Amino acid sequence: MFFDRLENIGNYGKNSQWREILQQFIRDYPQIYDKPEASYPLCHGAFYNVMGAELKKDNAYEYHKKYIDVHCTVSGTEKIDGAFFSLFLGDGKYSEEKDAGFFHDIPEKDCTFYVETGTCAVFFPYEAHKCLLLDDRGGDVKKIKKAVIKIPAELWEKA
């Protein structure tokens, strides 16, 4: 997992497909605020989901097996907690169809990201992330608009 400015995330992978996906998304990014909530295709089997969401005080941790998640806030600030998979207790409820598993019983978080417009948090398969949390630094935003890029994990592994 890592956190950076959106324009920098293409610098992390050595694979040209990773960069092409992110460059395509960055070109779309200025128009995302006006796009309806839906899924939008990118190159190399990647896509992004645009959504509006109410922020919460707490939420379940989620993880994925098939996709790398890149969380990009379009408006507002979202707090995201991250934890390593080795901290999970129980078996989690994983859906192969949705590529999502959920856990509530993680003893402690490993990191916290405050994702604001122009920044992003990246989570690789099996890296747990608790999303859609209220900014506990005193922010008063209760709803955000965000995009989550879903990149096939094998594109990173081939780098």
Protein backbone atom coordinates (compact mmCIF):
# COMPACT_ATOMS: atom_id res chain seq x y z
CA MET A 1 0.00 0.00 0.00
CA PHE A 2 1.14 3.51 -0.68
CA PHE A 3 -0.13 7.06 -0.82
CA ASP A 4 0.86 9.82 -3.23
CA ARG A 5 -0.35 12.57 -5.49
CA LEU A 6 -2.35 11.23 -8.44
CA GLU A 7 0.10 12.50 -11.05
CA ASN A 8 2.94 10.51 -9.43
CA ILE A 9 1.43 7.02 -9.14
CA GLY A 10 2.44 6.01 -12.66
CA ASN A 11 6.08 6.26 -11.55
CA TYR A 12 5.86 3.26 -9.21
CA GLY A 13 5.44 0.33 -11.58
CA LYS A 14 8.00 -0.71 -14.17
CA ASN A 15 5.34 -2.18 -16.43
CA SER A 16 4.24 0.05 -19.31
CA GLN A 17 0.65 -1.26 -19.06
CA TRP A 18 0.43 0.03 -15.46
CA ARG A 19 1.53 3.48 -16.68
CA GLU A 20 -0.85 3.47 -19.65
CA ILE A 21 -3.82 2.69 -17.39
CA LEU A 22 -2.95 5.45 -14.96
CA GLN A 23 -2.23 8.00 -17.69
CA GLN A 24 -5.61 7.25 -19.26
CA PHE A 25 -7.33 7.74 -15.88
CA ILE A 26 -5.44 10.99 -15.20
CA ARG A 27 -6.70 12.33 -18.55
CA ASP A 28 -10.28 11.48 -17.46
CA TYR A 29 -9.87 12.79 -13.91
CA PRO A 30 -10.87 16.46 -14.51
CA GLN A 31 -14.26 15.32 -15.91
CA ILE A 32 -15.04 12.73 -13.21
CA TYR A 33 -16.84 15.21 -10.95
CA ASP A 34 -19.55 15.59 -13.60
CA LYS A 35 -19.77 11.88 -14.50
CA PRO A 36 -22.68 9.83 -13.18
CA GLU A 37 -22.06 6.96 -10.78
CA ALA A 38 -21.07 4.06 -12.99
CA SER A 39 -18.19 1.88 -14.11
CA TYR A 40 -15.91 3.18 -16.89
CA PRO A 41 -13.46 1.07 -18.92
CA LEU A 42 -9.74 1.72 -19.14
CA CYS A 43 -7.13 -0.09 -21.22
CA HIS A 44 -5.62 -3.54 -20.41
CA GLY A 45 -8.71 -4.84 -18.58
CA ALA A 46 -8.72 -2.09 -15.97
CA PHE A 47 -11.71 0.10 -15.14
CA TYR A 48 -12.82 2.65 -12.61
CA ASN A 49 -15.97 3.06 -10.58
CA VAL A 50 -17.33 6.53 -9.83
CA MET A 51 -19.42 6.77 -6.68
CA GLY A 52 -20.85 9.16 -4.17
CA ALA A 53 -20.87 7.96 -0.59
CA GLU A 54 -21.76 8.96 2.93
CA LEU A 55 -18.80 8.86 5.29
CA LYS A 56 -19.01 6.80 8.48
CA LYS A 57 -17.34 6.67 11.89
CA ASP A 58 -16.47 3.01 11.33
CA ASN A 59 -16.65 0.41 8.59
CA ALA A 60 -15.46 -3.13 7.81
CA TYR A 61 -12.03 -3.81 6.36
CA GLU A 62 -12.09 -5.11 2.81
CA TYR A 63 -9.52 -6.86 0.66
CA HIS A 64 -9.27 -8.12 -2.90
CA LYS A 65 -7.45 -10.95 -4.66
CA LYS A 66 -7.73 -10.09 -8.37
CA TYR A 67 -7.41 -6.30 -8.51
CA ILE A 68 -5.22 -3.53 -7.23
CA ASP A 69 -7.39 -0.71 -5.85
CA VAL A 70 -6.45 2.93 -6.43
CA HIS A 71 -8.76 5.18 -4.37
CA CYS A 72 -8.99 8.75 -5.69
CA THR A 73 -11.21 11.32 -4.01
CA VAL A 74 -12.84 13.77 -6.41
CA SER A 75 -14.49 16.00 -3.77
CA GLY A 76 -14.18 16.00 0.00
CA THR A 77 -11.71 14.12 2.21
CA GLU A 78 -11.92 10.43 3.00
CA LYS A 79 -10.02 8.72 5.79
CA ILE A 80 -8.82 5.21 4.88
CA ASP A 81 -7.18 2.87 7.39
CA GLY A 82 -4.87 0.16 6.08
CA ALA A 83 -3.81 -3.13 7.68
CA PHE A 84 -1.70 -6.07 6.57
CA PHE A 85 -3.51 -9.34 5.88
CA SER A 86 -1.46 -11.13 8.58
CA LEU A 87 -3.47 -9.21 11.20
CA PHE A 88 -6.82 -10.67 10.12
CA LEU A 89 -8.74 -12.76 12.60
CA GLY A 90 -11.40 -15.17 11.41
CA ASP A 91 -11.89 -16.26 7.83
CA GLY A 92 -13.51 -13.20 6.27
CA LYS A 93 -16.37 -13.42 3.85
CA TYR A 94 -14.85 -13.39 0.38
CA SER A 95 -16.97 -13.21 -2.79
CA GLU A 96 -15.18 -14.52 -5.88
CA GLU A 97 -17.77 -12.79 -8.08
CA LYS A 98 -17.26 -9.36 -6.51
CA ASP A 99 -13.56 -9.92 -5.70
CA ALA A 100 -14.15 -8.61 -2.21
CA GLY A 101 -13.68 -10.01 1.26
CA PHE A 102 -14.63 -8.30 4.52
CA PHE A 103 -13.30 -8.43 8.08
CA HIS A 104 -14.37 -6.63 11.23
CA ASP A 105 -11.91 -8.14 13.70
CA ILE A 106 -8.50 -6.62 13.00
CA PRO A 107 -6.65 -5.79 16.21
CA GLU A 108 -4.91 -2.66 14.96
CA LYS A 109 -4.36 -0.61 11.84
CA ASP A 110 -0.95 -0.20 10.23
CA CYS A 111 -1.51 3.17 8.59
CA THR A 112 -4.04 5.92 7.95
CA PHE A 113 -4.41 7.91 4.74
CA TYR A 114 -6.41 11.12 4.32
CA VAL A 115 -7.34 11.05 0.65
CA GLU A 116 -8.19 14.51 -0.66
CA THR A 117 -8.76 15.79 -4.17
CA GLY A 118 -5.62 15.11 -6.20
CA THR A 119 -4.25 12.36 -3.95
CA CYS A 120 -4.73 8.61 -3.97
CA ALA A 121 -4.20 5.52 -1.84
CA VAL A 122 -3.14 2.28 -3.53
CA PHE A 123 -3.92 -1.16 -2.07
CA PHE A 124 -2.55 -4.38 -3.51
CA PRO A 125 -4.28 -7.77 -3.19
CA TYR A 126 -4.61 -8.93 0.42
CA GLU A 127 -3.88 -5.46 1.81
CA ALA A 128 -6.90 -4.64 3.94
CA HIS A 129 -8.43 -1.18 3.75
CA LYS A 130 -11.26 0.39 5.72
CA CYS A 131 -12.77 3.03 3.45
CA LEU A 132 -15.37 5.78 3.63
CA LEU A 133 -14.36 6.97 7.11
CA LEU A 134 -15.01 10.46 8.42
CA ASP A 135 -11.99 12.75 8.62
CA ASP A 136 -11.24 12.68 12.36
CA ARG A 137 -8.98 15.74 12.14
CA GLY A 138 -11.99 18.02 12.46
CA GLY A 139 -13.37 17.98 8.94
CA ASP A 140 -17.10 18.51 8.54
CA VAL A 141 -17.58 16.83 5.16
CA LYS A 142 -20.10 14.00 5.45
CA LYS A 143 -20.26 12.93 1.80
CA ILE A 144 -17.64 12.48 -0.88
CA LYS A 145 -17.40 11.68 -4.55
CA LYS A 146 -14.62 9.30 -5.47
CA ALA A 147 -13.28 7.01 -8.14
CA VAL A 148 -11.73 3.62 -7.50
CA ILE A 149 -9.47 2.32 -10.25
CA LYS A 150 -9.43 -1.48 -10.48
CA ILE A 151 -6.21 -2.75 -12.10
CA PRO A 152 -5.72 -6.48 -12.78
CA ALA A 153 -3.11 -7.66 -10.27
CA GLU A 154 -1.12 -9.59 -12.86
CA LEU A 155 -0.15 -6.32 -14.55
CA TRP A 156 1.91 -5.42 -11.50
CA GLU A 157 3.29 -8.92 -11.02
CA LYS A 158 4.65 -8.99 -14.58
CA ALA A 159 6.63 -5.81 -13.99
